[in-house]
C-alpha atoms as a PDB file:
ATOM      1  CA  MET A   1     -17.288  36.282 -59.298  1.00  0.00           C
ATOM      2  CA  LYS A   2     -20.295  34.717 -57.249  1.00  0.00           C
ATOM      3  CA  THR A   3     -18.660  31.300 -57.431  1.00  0.00           C
ATOM      4  CA  ILE A   4     -15.130  32.460 -56.499  1.00  0.00           C
ATOM      5  CA  THR A   5     -16.857  34.068 -53.307  1.00  0.00           C
ATOM      6  CA  SER A   6     -18.964  30.903 -52.422  1.00  0.00           C
ATOM      7  CA  VAL A   7     -15.406  28.970 -52.640  1.00  0.00           C
ATOM      8  CA  ILE A   8     -13.848  31.201 -50.311  1.00  0.00           C
ATOM      9  CA  LEU A   9     -16.673  31.292 -47.806  1.00  0.00           C
ATOM     10  CA  ALA A  10     -16.816  27.525 -47.643  1.00  0.00           C
ATOM     11  CA  SER A  11     -13.104  27.336 -47.395  1.00  0.00           C
ATOM     12  CA  SER A  12     -13.183  29.687 -44.390  1.00  0.00           C
ATOM     13  CA  LEU A  13     -15.877  27.743 -42.481  1.00  0.00           C
ATOM     14  CA  LEU A  14     -13.950  24.415 -42.905  1.00  0.00           C
ATOM     15  CA  CYS A  15     -10.679  26.210 -41.522  1.00  0.00           C
ATOM     16  CA  ALA A  16     -12.649  27.563 -38.631  1.00  0.00           C
ATOM     17  CA  ALA A  17     -14.379  24.329 -37.834  1.00  0.00           C
ATOM     18  CA  ALA A  18     -11.185  22.337 -38.014  1.00  0.00           C
ATOM     19  CA  PRO A  19      -9.579  23.989 -34.641  1.00  0.00           C
ATOM     20  CA  ALA A  20     -12.981  23.620 -32.840  1.00  0.00           C
ATOM     21  CA  ARG A  21     -12.894  19.732 -33.615  1.00  0.00           C
ATOM     22  CA  ALA A  22      -9.318  19.432 -32.351  1.00  0.00           C
ATOM     23  CA  ASN A  23     -10.327  21.372 -29.216  1.00  0.00           C
ATOM     24  CA  GLU A  24     -13.015  19.003 -28.400  1.00  0.00           C
ATOM     25  CA  SER A  25     -10.461  16.050 -27.960  1.00  0.00           C
ATOM     26  CA  THR A  26      -7.975  18.231 -26.256  1.00  0.00           C
ATOM     27  CA  PRO A  27      -9.264  17.427 -22.660  1.00  0.00           C
ATOM     28  CA  ALA A  28      -8.923  13.569 -23.079  1.00  0.00           C
ATOM     29  CA  LEU A  29      -5.363  13.951 -24.643  1.00  0.00           C
ATOM     30  CA  GLN A  30      -4.372  16.448 -21.664  1.00  0.00           C
ATOM     31  CA  ALA A  31      -5.618  13.863 -19.042  1.00  0.00           C
ATOM     32  CA  ALA A  32      -3.613  11.169 -20.671  1.00  0.00           C
ATOM     33  CA  GLU A  33      -0.603  13.452 -20.780  1.00  0.00           C
ATOM     34  CA  THR A  34      -0.799  14.106 -17.089  1.00  0.00           C
ATOM     35  CA  GLN A  35      -0.892  10.575 -15.905  1.00  0.00           C
ATOM     36  CA  VAL A  36       1.892   8.409 -15.270  1.00  0.00           C
ATOM     37  CA  PRO A  37       2.325   5.052 -14.901  1.00  0.00           C
ATOM     38  CA  LEU A  38       4.632   3.946 -11.864  1.00  0.00           C
ATOM     39  CA  LYS A  39       5.891   0.769 -10.236  1.00  0.00           C
ATOM     40  CA  VAL A  40       6.519   0.963  -6.526  1.00  0.00           C
ATOM     41  CA  GLN A  41       8.231  -1.582  -4.667  1.00  0.00           C
ATOM     42  CA  ILE A  42       7.737  -1.853  -1.280  1.00  0.00           C
ATOM     43  CA  VAL A  43      10.327  -4.145   0.969  1.00  0.00           C
ATOM     44  CA  LEU A  44       9.417  -5.047   4.501  1.00  0.00           C
ATOM     45  CA  SER A  45      12.452  -6.333   6.277  1.00  0.00           C
ATOM     46  CA  ARG A  46      13.145  -7.531   9.901  1.00  0.00           C
ATOM     47  CA  TYR A  47      16.512  -7.657  11.647  1.00  0.00           C
ATOM     48  CA  GLN A  48      17.714  -9.060  14.928  1.00  0.00           C
ATOM     49  CA  GLY A  49      20.407  -6.769  15.953  1.00  0.00           C
ATOM     50  CA  GLU A  50      22.571  -6.678  12.611  1.00  0.00           C
ATOM     51  CA  LYS A  51      21.290 -10.005  11.426  1.00  0.00           C
ATOM     52  CA  LYS A  52      18.521  -9.926   8.582  1.00  0.00           C
ATOM     53  CA  ILE A  53      15.695 -12.581   9.535  1.00  0.00           C
ATOM     54  CA  SER A  54      13.460 -11.909   6.816  1.00  0.00           C
ATOM     55  CA  SER A  55      12.762  -9.485   3.644  1.00  0.00           C
ATOM     56  CA  THR A  56       9.521  -9.593   1.851  1.00  0.00           C
ATOM     57  CA  PRO A  57       9.159  -7.495  -1.441  1.00  0.00           C
ATOM     58  CA  TYR A  58       5.820  -6.222  -2.647  1.00  0.00           C
ATOM     59  CA  THR A  59       5.092  -4.437  -6.177  1.00  0.00           C
ATOM     60  CA  MET A  60       2.271  -2.307  -6.879  1.00  0.00           C
ATOM     61  CA  ALA A  61       1.302  -0.556 -10.052  1.00  0.00           C
ATOM     62  CA  VAL A  62       0.350   2.892  -9.462  1.00  0.00           C
ATOM     63  CA  VAL A  63      -1.129   5.709 -11.554  1.00  0.00           C
ATOM     64  CA  ALA A  64       0.472   9.172 -10.775  1.00  0.00           C
ATOM     65  CA  ALA A  65      -1.733  12.252 -11.342  1.00  0.00           C
ATOM     66  CA  PRO A  66      -1.717  15.699 -10.333  1.00  0.00           C
ATOM     67  CA  ALA A  67      -2.639  16.884  -6.879  1.00  0.00           C
ATOM     68  CA  GLY A  68      -6.210  16.111  -6.101  1.00  0.00           C
ATOM     69  CA  LYS A  69      -6.657  13.700  -9.044  1.00  0.00           C
ATOM     70  CA  SER A  70      -4.824  10.613  -7.967  1.00  0.00           C
ATOM     71  CA  GLU A  71      -6.659   7.653  -6.479  1.00  0.00           C
ATOM     72  CA  PHE A  72      -5.445   5.210  -4.002  1.00  0.00           C
ATOM     73  CA  THR A  73      -4.129   1.677  -5.085  1.00  0.00           C
ATOM     74  CA  ARG A  74      -4.534  -1.008  -2.597  1.00  0.00           C
ATOM     75  CA  LEU A  75      -2.835  -4.382  -1.865  1.00  0.00           C
ATOM     76  CA  ARG A  76      -4.151  -6.599   0.634  1.00  0.00           C
ATOM     77  CA  MET A  77      -2.352 -10.222   1.615  1.00  0.00           C
ATOM     78  CA  GLY A  78      -3.442 -12.209   4.588  1.00  0.00           C
ATOM     79  CA  VAL A  79      -4.798 -15.212   6.045  1.00  0.00           C
ATOM     80  CA  ASP A  80      -7.217 -16.197   9.006  1.00  0.00           C
ATOM     81  CA  VAL A  81      -5.459 -18.272  11.596  1.00  0.00           C
ATOM     82  CA  PRO A  82      -6.962 -20.195  14.391  1.00  0.00           C
ATOM     83  CA  ILE A  83      -5.980 -18.881  17.779  1.00  0.00           C
ATOM     84  CA  PRO A  84      -6.624 -21.512  20.540  1.00  0.00           C
ATOM     85  CA  GLN A  85      -8.619 -20.913  23.555  1.00  0.00           C
ATOM     86  CA  THR A  86      -9.534 -23.025  26.665  1.00  0.00           C
ATOM     87  CA  VAL A  87     -13.148 -23.228  27.495  1.00  0.00           C
ATOM     88  CA  ILE A  88     -13.987 -24.718  30.915  1.00  0.00           C
ATOM     89  CA  PRO A  89     -17.828 -25.852  30.613  1.00  0.00           C
ATOM     90  CA  SER A  90     -20.107 -25.663  33.400  1.00  0.00           C
ATOM     91  CA  SER A  91     -21.680 -28.909  34.637  1.00  0.00           C
ATOM     92  CA  LYS A  92     -25.230 -29.263  35.755  1.00  0.00           C
ATOM     93  CA  GLU A  93     -24.354 -30.934  39.046  1.00  0.00           C
ATOM     94  CA  GLY A  94     -22.164 -27.923  39.850  1.00  0.00           C
ATOM     95  CA  ALA A  95     -18.797 -29.528  39.316  1.00  0.00           C
ATOM     96  CA  SER A  96     -16.715 -28.408  36.523  1.00  0.00           C
ATOM     97  CA  SER A  97     -16.149 -30.547  33.573  1.00  0.00           C
ATOM     98  CA  ALA A  98     -12.824 -31.145  31.904  1.00  0.00           C
ATOM     99  CA  PRO A  99     -11.644 -28.084  29.836  1.00  0.00           C
ATOM    100  CA  VAL A 100     -12.207 -28.015  26.088  1.00  0.00           C
ATOM    101  CA  MET A 101     -10.024 -26.559  23.509  1.00  0.00           C
ATOM    102  CA  SER A 102     -11.755 -24.034  21.172  1.00  0.00           C
ATOM    103  CA  TYR A 103     -10.460 -21.744  18.080  1.00  0.00           C
ATOM    104  CA  SER A 104     -11.225 -18.263  17.168  1.00  0.00           C
ATOM    105  CA  TYR A 105      -9.827 -16.898  13.992  1.00  0.00           C
ATOM    106  CA  ARG A 106      -7.867 -13.562  13.550  1.00  0.00           C
ATOM    107  CA  SER A 107      -6.809 -12.038  10.323  1.00  0.00           C
ATOM    108  CA  VAL A 108      -3.130 -11.432   9.871  1.00  0.00           C
ATOM    109  CA  GLY A 109      -1.335 -10.286   7.015  1.00  0.00           C
ATOM    110  CA  THR A 110      -0.128  -7.214   5.012  1.00  0.00           C
ATOM    111  CA  SER A 111      -2.038  -4.367   3.323  1.00  0.00           C
ATOM    112  CA  PHE A 112      -0.945  -1.363   1.629  1.00  0.00           C
ATOM    113  CA  ASP A 113      -2.676   2.059   0.298  1.00  0.00           C
ATOM    114  CA  CYS A 114      -0.719   4.069  -1.993  1.00  0.00           C
ATOM    115  CA  LYS A 115      -1.404   7.299  -3.939  1.00  0.00           C
ATOM    116  CA  ALA A 116       1.043   9.071  -6.338  1.00  0.00           C
ATOM    117  CA  GLY A 117       0.870  12.626  -7.259  1.00  0.00           C
ATOM    118  CA  ILE A 118       3.146  14.627  -9.882  1.00  0.00           C
ATOM    119  CA  GLN A 119       5.261  17.433  -8.731  1.00  0.00           C
ATOM    120  CA  GLU A 120       7.714  19.536 -10.600  1.00  0.00           C
ATOM    121  CA  GLY A 121      11.176  18.485 -11.794  1.00  0.00           C
ATOM    122  CA  GLY A 122      10.236  14.835 -12.269  1.00  0.00           C
ATOM    123  CA  VAL A 123       9.521  14.346  -8.784  1.00  0.00           C
ATOM    124  CA  PHE A 124       6.672  12.127  -7.428  1.00  0.00           C
ATOM    125  CA  LYS A 125       4.915  12.463  -4.048  1.00  0.00           C
ATOM    126  CA  LEU A 126       4.011   9.161  -2.623  1.00  0.00           C
ATOM    127  CA  ASP A 127       1.110   8.705   0.077  1.00  0.00           C
ATOM    128  CA  LEU A 128       1.488   5.352   1.676  1.00  0.00           C
ATOM    129  CA  THR A 129       0.075   3.548   4.503  1.00  0.00           C
ATOM    130  CA  VAL A 130       1.635   0.082   5.807  1.00  0.00           C
ATOM    131  CA  THR A 131      -0.200  -2.163   7.998  1.00  0.00           C
ATOM    132  CA  ASP A 132       1.267  -5.419   9.041  1.00  0.00           C
ATOM    133  CA  THR A 133       0.220  -7.960  11.689  1.00  0.00           C
ATOM    134  CA  ALA A 134       1.400 -11.643  12.563  1.00  0.00           C
ATOM    135  CA  VAL A 135       1.355 -14.329  15.026  1.00  0.00           C
ATOM    136  CA  MET A 136       4.293 -15.224  16.940  1.00  0.00           C
ATOM    137  CA  MET A 137       5.381 -17.572  19.578  1.00  0.00           C
ATOM    138  CA  PRO A 138       7.297 -15.839  22.501  1.00  0.00           C
ATOM    139  CA  GLU A 139      10.130 -17.222  23.813  1.00  0.00           C
ATOM    140  CA  ALA A 140      10.281 -17.433  27.794  1.00  0.00           C
ATOM    141  CA  SER A 141      12.333 -14.407  27.880  1.00  0.00           C
ATOM    142  CA  GLN A 142       9.907 -12.395  25.755  1.00  0.00           C
ATOM    143  CA  ALA A 143       6.996 -13.597  27.909  1.00  0.00           C
ATOM    144  CA  ALA A 144       8.469 -12.052  31.040  1.00  0.00           C
ATOM    145  CA  LYS A 145       8.105  -8.758  29.045  1.00  0.00           C
ATOM    146  CA  GLY A 146       4.305  -9.020  28.466  1.00  0.00           C
ATOM    147  CA  GLY A 147       3.387 -12.328  26.818  1.00  0.00           C
ATOM    148  CA  ILE A 148       2.329 -15.515  28.430  1.00  0.00           C
ATOM    149  CA  SER A 149       4.570 -18.445  28.134  1.00  0.00           C
ATOM    150  CA  GLY A 150       3.424 -20.949  25.041  1.00  0.00           C
ATOM    151  CA  ALA A 151       0.664 -18.438  24.009  1.00  0.00           C
ATOM    152  CA  PRO A 152       0.687 -16.845  20.687  1.00  0.00           C
ATOM    153  CA  THR A 153       0.877 -13.256  20.512  1.00  0.00           C
ATOM    154  CA  ILE A 154      -0.365 -10.857  17.722  1.00  0.00           C
ATOM    155  CA  ARG A 155       2.086  -8.335  16.507  1.00  0.00           C
ATOM    156  CA  SER A 156       0.858  -5.294  14.717  1.00  0.00           C
ATOM    157  CA  PHE A 157       2.686  -2.341  12.850  1.00  0.00           C
ATOM    158  CA  THR A 158       0.843   0.654  11.139  1.00  0.00           C
ATOM    159  CA  SER A 159       2.469   3.577   9.629  1.00  0.00           C
ATOM    160  CA  SER A 160       1.014   6.480   7.228  1.00  0.00           C
ATOM    161  CA  PHE A 161       3.618   8.677   5.385  1.00  0.00           C
ATOM    162  CA  SER A 162       4.551  10.588   2.489  1.00  0.00           C
ATOM    163  CA  LEU A 163       7.863  10.446   0.384  1.00  0.00           C
ATOM    164  CA  LEU A 164       9.170  12.588  -2.322  1.00  0.00           C
ATOM    165  CA  LEU A 165      11.080  10.408  -4.929  1.00  0.00           C
ATOM    166  CA  LYS A 166      12.265  10.504  -8.630  1.00  0.00           C
ATOM    167  CA  ASP A 167      12.507   7.721 -11.066  1.00  0.00           C
ATOM    168  CA  GLY A 168      14.781   4.858  -9.836  1.00  0.00           C
ATOM    169  CA  GLN A 169      15.127   6.353  -6.417  1.00  0.00           C
ATOM    170  CA  THR A 170      14.881   4.219  -2.919  1.00  0.00           C
ATOM    171  CA  ALA A 171      14.177   5.601   0.432  1.00  0.00           C
ATOM    172  CA  GLN A 172      14.000   4.006   3.763  1.00  0.00           C
ATOM    173  CA  HIS A 173      11.094   5.597   5.758  1.00  0.00           C
ATOM    174  CA  THR A 174      10.715   3.591   8.849  1.00  0.00           C
ATOM    175  CA  ALA A 175      12.881   1.605  11.184  1.00  0.00           C
ATOM    176  CA  ALA A 176      10.597   0.547  14.127  1.00  0.00           C
ATOM    177  CA  THR A 177      11.659  -2.085  17.150  1.00  0.00           C
ATOM    178  CA  ASP A 178       9.122  -4.452  18.295  1.00  0.00           C
ATOM    179  CA  PRO A 179       9.121  -3.925  21.951  1.00  0.00           C
ATOM    180  CA  VAL A 180       8.734  -7.576  22.836  1.00  0.00           C
ATOM    181  CA  SER A 181      10.871  -9.413  20.637  1.00  0.00           C
ATOM    182  CA  GLY A 182      13.464  -6.569  19.881  1.00  0.00           C
ATOM    183  CA  GLU A 183      13.197  -7.407  16.253  1.00  0.00           C
ATOM    184  CA  VAL A 184      13.618  -4.062  13.812  1.00  0.00           C
ATOM    185  CA  LEU A 185      11.223  -3.651  10.919  1.00  0.00           C
ATOM    186  CA  ARG A 186      12.315  -1.592   8.016  1.00  0.00           C
ATOM    187  CA  VAL A 187      10.188  -0.231   5.161  1.00  0.00           C
ATOM    188  CA  ASP A 188      12.142   0.455   1.975  1.00  0.00           C
ATOM    189  CA  VAL A 189      10.286   1.945  -1.090  1.00  0.00           C
ATOM    190  CA  THR A 190      11.620   2.287  -4.620  1.00  0.00           C
ATOM    191  CA  LEU A 191       9.722   4.071  -7.325  1.00  0.00           C
ATOM    192  CA  SER A 192      10.153   3.513 -11.091  1.00  0.00           C
ATOM    193  CA  VAL A 193       8.500   5.209 -14.047  1.00  0.00           C
ATOM    194  CA  LEU A 194       7.140   2.621 -16.569  1.00  0.00           C
ATOM    195  CA  LYS A 195       7.960   3.396 -20.161  1.00  0.00           C
END
């Protein structure tokens, strides 16, 4: 009788310990289940009237998490370009010397910051910041609108926005017109869930 009681007691202790061990790994499993890998494609397109001048796609891998737990994914693509500057050195005798060309460098390019949150019903909330800068040489007609003929100008665009998208959906967020060139910049975002 004593042996049977010991066996029953030992079995009870093992059964009680098993759920405790299962619960120890539950937070890690729950964290894995609440994170969803996404592919976010952002396309920057420029139009002159109805004519498409350029279309540049960028793709980012983003991990979606519940609200307050997601982190930003960042993408930076750029180059430092030389900007010519004319310097007129002073002479010791008081007469000015011949002008000298020098250069300063300016960073131009595109950068993205993207964060994804999980919503109900298979919807994801994307928080995006898009920044695009470029050097352009204005034509004579564009110089009259604010540029100096023959001198480069720096074009810049920045937008921060949120989108609600499901798997496979595309949305056009922005259509902004450059005040100097008249070009229209469009930002299209496509979201895909990675299997």
